[in-house]
Amino acid sequence: MAQKRKPSKKRTATKRPQRKKPAKQKIQPVEEILFRVEGKMSTFGGPKDTGMSADEGLALFSQADLQDPKYSYLFLPAPPPGTTGLGRRLNPDKYYFACRWNYNDTPREFLKRALARVENPANGRTADARPADWGPHLSTGRVADLSPGLAAALGLQTDDVVRITISALRAIPVKPVKGAKRAAPVNRTAPPGKPVIKQFIRSPNCSSRNVGTKIDKIVLHCTEGSLASALAEFQKSDSRKVSAHYVIDRNGDIYQMVNDADCANHCMGANSGSIGIEHVGSETDALAAPQAAASAALIRWLLQEHQIPRTNIFGHDFTPGYSRPGGTSCPDKLFGPEHSQTTIAAWVAANV
């Protein structure tokens, strides 16, 4: 009889200690400065610029661009009498400028899609503007020509010093030109993301923006009442039919009530191209700290998302185009003790 073999003991495999994978470091995006210039400036463009001939065109735009909403907002709806060129058709209130470009470094198509940061080094004011033309002539000793509206917003007069910067992060990428030289990159934080929206409570009091309308301003309001009363008021479909895009509570919670793409009824006469932000508070309240932080974060995102110039942030009563007889006390004391656009601008400069 065959002997039974004893079952062999299985050897237990020794487990090797697992090595912890090193945590991946978040890489901050790098901003490439593609163009920077600083020096004296002047103004150009629009019906009153008789230094431009009646048929003078622009280096970066053509007649076809009048049909493109990305660019058409820079121009008047119709050419000024006796003119055919785009130079005199530029809207002097819009933000554009001209510099002497090297098209090998910054090709025309790149410039057309770019947005520049324009600064007044003397007072610290900044605004975003679009390249539009080549100039000024070397004989002037100036480095840039600005639109009259841009110069006024920055507090600049002819022969004052301006600084202009264009970076790769401020434009839609295009195929680079071979041999193009680029300045050394500098570190910059990522573009702001949209703050958390606690709840979207849709208001019926809104309408579609007209085709081609650019969102070009932000209007700041005070609810002059509680959060509950503001949300309820903006949901009523009564004769007033008022609303706002956003409402920010005292604790920093943000409620959205109208899509950015639509018009809210928040600033009579200036609704078509604006975003309205209500802040919960009474006529004598200042912003609460979390509320101020939430407002600044939302404004930063809106500026980036819609390419709105920083100089186009207004208190309700001071918004260009606002047309209610007698005006309003809004935004009251939320942004400072004085009822003025200077108070709003100072708060923006300190917080946004």
Protein backbone atom coordinates (compact mmCIF):
# COMPACT_ATOMS: atom_id res chain seq x y z
CA MET A 1 0.00 0.00 0.00
CA ALA A 2 1.44 3.31 -1.07
CA GLN A 3 2.24 5.75 1.67
CA LYS A 4 0.38 9.03 1.66
CA ARG A 5 2.53 12.06 1.35
CA LYS A 6 2.23 14.65 4.04
CA PRO A 7 0.81 17.90 2.66
CA SER A 8 3.60 20.40 2.34
CA LYS A 9 3.28 23.67 4.18
CA LYS A 10 2.80 26.60 1.88
CA ARG A 11 5.30 29.31 2.28
CA THR A 12 3.73 32.63 2.90
CA ALA A 13 5.04 35.28 0.58
CA THR A 14 6.66 38.16 2.37
CA LYS A 15 5.11 41.40 1.39
CA ARG A 16 7.44 44.09 0.28
CA PRO A 17 6.80 47.43 1.89
CA GLN A 18 5.17 49.75 -0.61
CA ARG A 19 6.96 52.93 -1.31
CA LYS A 20 4.90 56.03 -0.99
CA LYS A 21 4.67 57.93 -4.19
CA PRO A 22 5.84 61.49 -3.80
CA ALA A 23 2.99 63.95 -3.84
CA LYS A 24 2.65 65.71 -7.13
CA GLN A 25 3.39 69.36 -6.88
CA LYS A 26 0.96 71.70 -8.53
CA ILE A 27 2.69 73.60 -11.25
CA GLN A 28 1.66 77.21 -11.50
CA PRO A 29 1.14 78.45 -15.03
CA VAL A 30 3.95 80.56 -16.39
CA GLU A 31 3.21 83.92 -17.88
CA GLU A 32 5.26 84.79 -20.93
CA ILE A 33 5.64 88.51 -21.46
CA LEU A 34 5.49 88.85 -25.23
CA PHE A 35 5.45 92.62 -25.44
CA ARG A 36 6.20 95.43 -23.01
CA VAL A 37 6.81 99.10 -23.63
CA GLU A 38 6.93 102.22 -21.46
CA GLY A 39 7.16 105.83 -22.56
CA LYS A 40 5.21 108.88 -23.70
CA MET A 41 1.75 108.54 -25.20
CA SER A 42 -0.85 110.44 -27.20
CA THR A 43 -4.42 109.74 -28.34
CA PHE A 44 -5.96 108.71 -31.65
CA GLY A 45 -9.09 107.40 -33.35
CA GLY A 46 -12.69 108.47 -33.71
CA PRO A 47 -14.61 111.15 -35.61
CA LYS A 48 -12.63 114.03 -34.06
CA ASP A 49 -9.20 112.69 -34.98
CA THR A 50 -8.53 114.89 -37.99
CA GLY A 51 -4.94 113.69 -37.99
CA MET A 52 -6.28 110.56 -39.67
CA SER A 53 -7.49 110.84 -43.24
CA ALA A 54 -11.13 110.15 -44.03
CA ASP A 55 -10.27 106.84 -45.70
CA GLU A 56 -7.47 105.71 -43.34
CA GLY A 57 -7.70 102.09 -42.25
CA LEU A 58 -6.28 100.12 -39.33
CA ALA A 59 -3.37 97.70 -39.33
CA LEU A 60 -5.18 94.99 -37.36
CA PHE A 61 -8.82 95.27 -38.46
CA SER A 62 -10.77 95.20 -41.71
CA GLN A 63 -14.34 95.90 -42.79
CA ALA A 64 -15.20 92.23 -42.20
CA ASP A 65 -14.50 92.66 -38.48
CA LEU A 66 -17.48 94.98 -38.19
CA GLN A 67 -19.64 91.83 -38.35
CA ASP A 68 -17.71 90.01 -35.60
CA PRO A 69 -19.03 90.80 -32.07
CA LYS A 70 -15.55 90.15 -30.63
CA TYR A 71 -14.34 93.29 -32.42
CA SER A 72 -17.39 95.24 -33.63
CA TYR A 73 -17.93 96.84 -30.20
CA LEU A 74 -14.79 98.93 -30.84
CA PHE A 75 -16.53 100.78 -33.67
CA LEU A 76 -19.37 103.24 -34.08
CA PRO A 77 -22.59 101.77 -35.57
CA ALA A 78 -22.15 103.88 -38.74
CA PRO A 79 -19.20 105.68 -40.30
CA PRO A 80 -18.97 109.42 -39.47
CA PRO A 81 -20.21 111.63 -42.34
CA GLY A 82 -17.66 112.00 -45.13
CA THR A 83 -15.48 109.08 -43.97
CA THR A 84 -14.92 105.57 -45.31
CA GLY A 85 -11.96 104.31 -43.27
CA LEU A 86 -12.08 102.39 -40.00
CA GLY A 87 -9.73 104.78 -38.18
CA ARG A 88 -12.29 107.58 -37.87
CA ARG A 89 -15.03 105.01 -37.18
CA LEU A 90 -13.38 103.81 -33.96
CA ASN A 91 -15.54 104.57 -30.91
CA PRO A 92 -13.40 107.00 -28.89
CA ASP A 93 -14.99 105.79 -25.63
CA LYS A 94 -13.80 102.20 -26.10
CA TYR A 95 -10.40 100.95 -24.93
CA TYR A 96 -7.89 100.38 -27.76
CA PHE A 97 -4.39 101.52 -28.62
CA ALA A 98 -1.59 101.51 -31.20
CA CYS A 99 2.10 100.64 -30.83
CA ARG A 100 5.00 100.08 -33.21
CA TRP A 101 4.85 96.31 -33.50
CA ASN A 102 7.48 93.88 -34.68
CA TYR A 103 5.27 91.40 -36.48
CA ASN A 104 7.95 88.70 -36.29
CA ASP A 105 7.66 88.72 -32.48
CA THR A 106 3.95 89.51 -32.23
CA PRO A 107 2.13 88.52 -35.46
CA ARG A 108 -0.93 90.45 -36.56
CA GLU A 109 -3.27 87.54 -35.83
CA PHE A 110 -1.90 87.25 -32.30
CA LEU A 111 -2.31 90.97 -31.67
CA LYS A 112 -5.85 90.89 -32.98
CA ARG A 113 -6.77 88.27 -30.40
CA ALA A 114 -4.69 89.76 -27.57
CA LEU A 115 -5.72 91.83 -24.59
CA ALA A 116 -3.13 94.16 -23.08
CA ARG A 117 -2.75 95.60 -19.61
CA VAL A 118 -2.33 99.38 -19.91
CA GLU A 119 -1.04 101.25 -16.85
CA ASN A 120 -0.47 104.78 -15.68
CA PRO A 121 2.68 104.41 -13.53
CA ALA A 122 2.09 107.81 -11.95
CA ASN A 123 -1.22 106.98 -10.26
CA GLY A 124 -1.38 103.17 -10.44
CA ARG A 125 -4.55 103.04 -12.55
CA THR A 126 -4.83 100.11 -14.96
CA ALA A 127 -7.20 98.99 -17.70
CA ASP A 128 -7.44 96.23 -20.29
CA ALA A 129 -7.41 97.29 -23.94
CA ARG A 130 -7.12 95.85 -27.44
CA PRO A 131 -4.35 96.50 -29.95
CA ALA A 132 -5.87 98.20 -33.02
CA ASP A 133 -3.22 99.85 -35.16
CA TRP A 134 0.49 100.50 -35.84
CA GLY A 135 1.91 103.77 -34.51
CA PRO A 136 2.84 106.41 -33.51
CA HIS A 137 5.57 107.60 -35.89
CA LEU A 138 9.14 107.53 -34.59
CA SER A 139 9.45 111.28 -35.09
CA THR A 140 6.93 111.93 -32.28
CA GLY A 141 9.14 110.35 -29.63
CA ARG A 142 6.08 108.52 -28.26
CA VAL A 143 5.67 104.76 -27.79
CA ALA A 144 1.86 104.45 -27.96
CA ASP A 145 -1.37 106.10 -29.04
CA LEU A 146 -4.39 105.41 -26.80
CA SER A 147 -8.08 105.88 -27.40
CA PRO A 148 -9.41 109.09 -25.81
CA GLY A 149 -11.62 107.03 -23.48
CA LEU A 150 -8.73 104.85 -22.33
CA ALA A 151 -6.47 107.87 -21.71
CA ALA A 152 -9.21 109.60 -19.70
CA ALA A 153 -9.91 106.49 -17.60
CA LEU A 154 -6.22 106.23 -16.70
CA GLY A 155 -5.83 109.94 -16.05
CA LEU A 156 -3.34 110.36 -18.91
CA GLN A 157 -2.72 113.38 -21.11
CA THR A 158 -0.52 113.73 -24.20
CA ASP A 159 3.17 113.11 -23.42
CA ASP A 160 2.43 111.46 -20.07
CA VAL A 161 4.15 108.11 -19.50
CA VAL A 162 2.22 104.89 -20.11
CA ARG A 163 3.20 101.24 -19.65
CA ILE A 164 1.73 98.49 -21.86
CA THR A 165 2.13 94.73 -21.37
CA ILE A 166 0.89 91.78 -23.45
CA SER A 167 1.32 88.24 -22.15
CA ALA A 168 0.62 84.82 -23.61
CA LEU A 169 -2.09 84.26 -20.97
CA ARG A 170 -4.12 87.19 -22.26
CA ALA A 171 -4.66 85.90 -25.80
CA ILE A 172 -5.95 82.91 -27.75
CA PRO A 173 -2.87 80.93 -28.80
CA VAL A 174 -1.88 81.08 -32.46
CA LYS A 175 0.81 79.23 -34.36
CA PRO A 176 4.14 80.85 -33.46
CA VAL A 177 6.35 82.35 -36.10
CA LYS A 178 9.69 80.58 -36.59
CA GLY A 179 12.53 82.46 -35.01
CA ALA A 180 10.26 84.65 -32.91
CA LYS A 181 12.07 85.88 -29.82
CA ARG A 182 10.29 85.91 -26.50
CA ALA A 183 11.13 87.63 -23.27
CA ALA A 184 12.10 85.61 -20.20
CA PRO A 185 9.01 84.18 -18.45
CA VAL A 186 7.90 85.33 -15.03
CA ASN A 187 5.77 83.41 -12.54
CA ARG A 188 2.13 84.30 -12.15
CA THR A 189 -0.76 82.75 -10.29
CA ALA A 190 -3.47 80.94 -12.23
CA PRO A 191 -6.41 82.94 -13.62
CA PRO A 192 -9.20 83.19 -11.03
CA GLY A 193 -11.89 80.52 -11.02
CA LYS A 194 -15.58 81.25 -10.51
CA PRO A 195 -16.41 81.40 -6.79
CA VAL A 196 -18.78 78.79 -5.40
CA ILE A 197 -22.43 79.64 -6.05
CA LYS A 198 -24.51 78.53 -3.06
CA GLN A 199 -27.71 78.36 -5.10
CA PHE A 200 -29.05 79.40 -8.49
CA ILE A 201 -32.51 80.88 -7.91
CA ARG A 202 -33.79 81.86 -11.32
CA SER A 203 -35.48 85.24 -11.66
CA PRO A 204 -38.14 85.67 -14.35
CA ASN A 205 -37.16 89.33 -14.69
CA CYS A 206 -34.52 89.10 -17.39
CA SER A 207 -34.15 89.20 -21.16
CA SER A 208 -31.69 88.12 -23.86
CA ARG A 209 -28.90 90.52 -24.68
CA ASN A 210 -28.93 91.92 -28.20
CA VAL A 211 -26.68 90.04 -30.62
CA GLY A 212 -23.19 91.53 -30.57
CA THR A 213 -23.60 93.25 -27.20
CA LYS A 214 -20.42 93.00 -25.14
CA ILE A 215 -20.53 92.76 -21.36
CA ASP A 216 -18.30 95.70 -20.51
CA LYS A 217 -19.18 96.86 -16.99
CA ILE A 218 -20.00 95.64 -13.48
CA VAL A 219 -22.54 97.49 -11.32
CA LEU A 220 -22.42 97.22 -7.51
CA HIS A 221 -25.65 97.52 -5.46
CA CYS A 222 -26.94 97.47 -1.89
CA THR A 223 -30.15 95.50 -1.26
CA GLU A 224 -31.27 97.92 1.49
CA GLY A 225 -32.90 94.90 3.10
CA SER A 226 -32.42 91.28 4.11
CA LEU A 227 -31.32 88.38 1.92
CA ALA A 228 -34.79 86.82 2.06
CA SER A 229 -36.48 90.05 0.98
CA ALA A 230 -34.05 90.55 -1.91
CA LEU A 231 -34.45 87.00 -3.22
CA ALA A 232 -38.23 87.28 -2.93
CA GLU A 233 -38.31 90.67 -4.66
CA PHE A 234 -36.27 89.41 -7.60
CA GLN A 235 -38.64 86.45 -8.10
CA LYS A 236 -41.78 88.62 -8.29
CA SER A 237 -43.25 89.16 -11.73
CA ASP A 238 -45.05 92.36 -10.76
CA SER A 239 -44.90 95.73 -12.48
CA ARG A 240 -41.39 96.50 -11.16
CA LYS A 241 -39.79 93.31 -12.56
CA VAL A 242 -36.42 93.95 -10.92
CA SER A 243 -33.53 91.49 -10.66
CA ALA A 244 -29.76 91.15 -10.45
CA HIS A 245 -27.28 88.59 -11.70
CA TYR A 246 -25.81 87.90 -8.25
CA VAL A 247 -26.71 88.50 -4.60
CA ILE A 248 -24.01 88.26 -1.90
CA ASP A 249 -25.09 87.65 1.69
CA ARG A 250 -23.35 89.09 4.75
CA ASN A 251 -21.68 85.72 5.42
CA GLY A 252 -20.16 85.59 1.91
CA ASP A 253 -22.65 83.17 0.33
CA ILE A 254 -23.25 83.98 -3.34
CA TYR A 255 -26.61 83.42 -5.02
CA GLN A 256 -27.05 83.67 -8.79
CA MET A 257 -30.41 84.69 -10.23
CA VAL A 258 -29.73 85.55 -13.88
CA ASN A 259 -27.27 84.02 -16.33
CA ASP A 260 -24.40 86.31 -17.32
CA ALA A 261 -25.46 85.97 -20.95
CA ASP A 262 -28.83 87.60 -20.16
CA CYS A 263 -29.83 91.13 -19.11
CA ALA A 264 -30.96 91.62 -15.52
CA ASN A 265 -33.15 94.61 -14.61
CA HIS A 266 -30.87 96.24 -12.08
CA CYS A 267 -29.67 99.60 -13.50
CA MET A 268 -32.19 101.44 -15.68
CA GLY A 269 -30.60 102.56 -18.93
CA ALA A 270 -27.40 100.55 -18.42
CA ASN A 271 -28.63 96.95 -18.33
CA SER A 272 -27.65 95.92 -21.85
CA GLY A 273 -23.91 95.52 -21.30
CA SER A 274 -23.63 95.15 -17.54
CA ILE A 275 -23.53 92.56 -14.75
CA GLY A 276 -25.38 93.52 -11.55
CA ILE A 277 -24.14 92.40 -8.11
CA GLU A 278 -26.36 93.04 -5.08
CA HIS A 279 -24.85 93.06 -1.58
CA VAL A 280 -27.09 92.41 1.42
CA GLY A 281 -27.08 95.38 3.78
CA SER A 282 -28.95 98.40 5.06
CA GLU A 283 -28.43 102.00 3.97
CA THR A 284 -25.87 102.52 6.78
CA ASP A 285 -24.05 99.17 6.70
CA ALA A 286 -20.49 98.67 5.52
CA LEU A 287 -19.59 95.40 3.82
CA ALA A 288 -19.04 92.51 6.21
CA ALA A 289 -15.55 90.99 5.91
CA PRO A 290 -16.66 87.66 4.34
CA GLN A 291 -19.02 89.54 2.06
CA ALA A 292 -16.23 91.84 0.85
CA ALA A 293 -13.95 88.86 0.18
CA ALA A 294 -16.67 87.06 -1.79
CA SER A 295 -17.47 90.19 -3.79
CA ALA A 296 -13.82 90.77 -4.67
CA ALA A 297 -13.42 87.13 -5.77
CA LEU A 298 -16.54 87.28 -7.93
CA ILE A 299 -15.47 90.58 -9.51
CA ARG A 300 -11.99 89.21 -10.29
CA TRP A 301 -13.55 86.23 -12.06
CA LEU A 302 -16.03 88.40 -14.00
CA LEU A 303 -13.23 90.72 -15.16
CA GLN A 304 -11.27 87.73 -16.49
CA GLU A 305 -14.26 85.82 -17.87
CA HIS A 306 -15.74 88.72 -19.84
CA GLN A 307 -12.57 90.75 -20.42
CA ILE A 308 -14.06 93.77 -18.64
CA PRO A 309 -11.71 96.70 -17.97
CA ARG A 310 -11.01 97.20 -14.26
CA THR A 311 -12.03 100.84 -14.67
CA ASN A 312 -15.56 99.72 -15.61
CA ILE A 313 -16.70 98.82 -12.09
CA PHE A 314 -19.33 101.29 -10.92
CA GLY A 315 -21.64 102.00 -8.03
CA HIS A 316 -25.30 101.95 -9.10
CA ASP A 317 -25.80 105.73 -8.97
CA PHE A 318 -22.61 106.42 -10.94
CA THR A 319 -23.00 103.97 -13.82
CA PRO A 320 -22.69 105.52 -17.30
CA GLY A 321 -26.10 105.41 -18.98
CA TYR A 322 -28.09 105.10 -15.74
CA SER A 323 -31.20 107.15 -16.40
CA ARG A 324 -33.59 107.04 -13.45
CA PRO A 325 -34.89 110.57 -12.66
CA GLY A 326 -33.48 111.76 -9.34
CA GLY A 327 -30.87 109.00 -9.19
CA THR A 328 -30.52 106.68 -6.22
CA SER A 329 -28.67 106.40 -2.92
CA CYS A 330 -27.47 102.89 -3.89
CA PRO A 331 -24.89 101.49 -3.11
CA ASP A 332 -25.19 103.59 0.06
CA LYS A 333 -22.36 103.21 2.62
CA LEU A 334 -21.31 99.66 1.72
CA PHE A 335 -18.03 100.58 0.04
CA GLY A 336 -17.10 103.65 2.08
CA PRO A 337 -18.54 106.61 3.95
CA GLU A 338 -18.89 108.90 0.92
CA HIS A 339 -21.49 108.49 -1.84
CA SER A 340 -19.16 108.78 -4.86
CA GLN A 341 -17.56 106.80 -7.65
CA THR A 342 -14.19 107.73 -6.14
CA THR A 343 -15.16 105.67 -3.09
CA ILE A 344 -16.02 102.70 -5.32
CA ALA A 345 -12.75 103.02 -7.27
CA ALA A 346 -10.74 103.18 -4.04
CA TRP A 347 -12.41 100.00 -2.72
CA VAL A 348 -11.75 98.20 -6.02
CA ALA A 349 -8.10 99.28 -6.01
CA ALA A 350 -7.64 98.00 -2.45
CA ASN A 351 -9.53 94.70 -2.76
CA VAL A 352 -9.87 93.44 -6.34
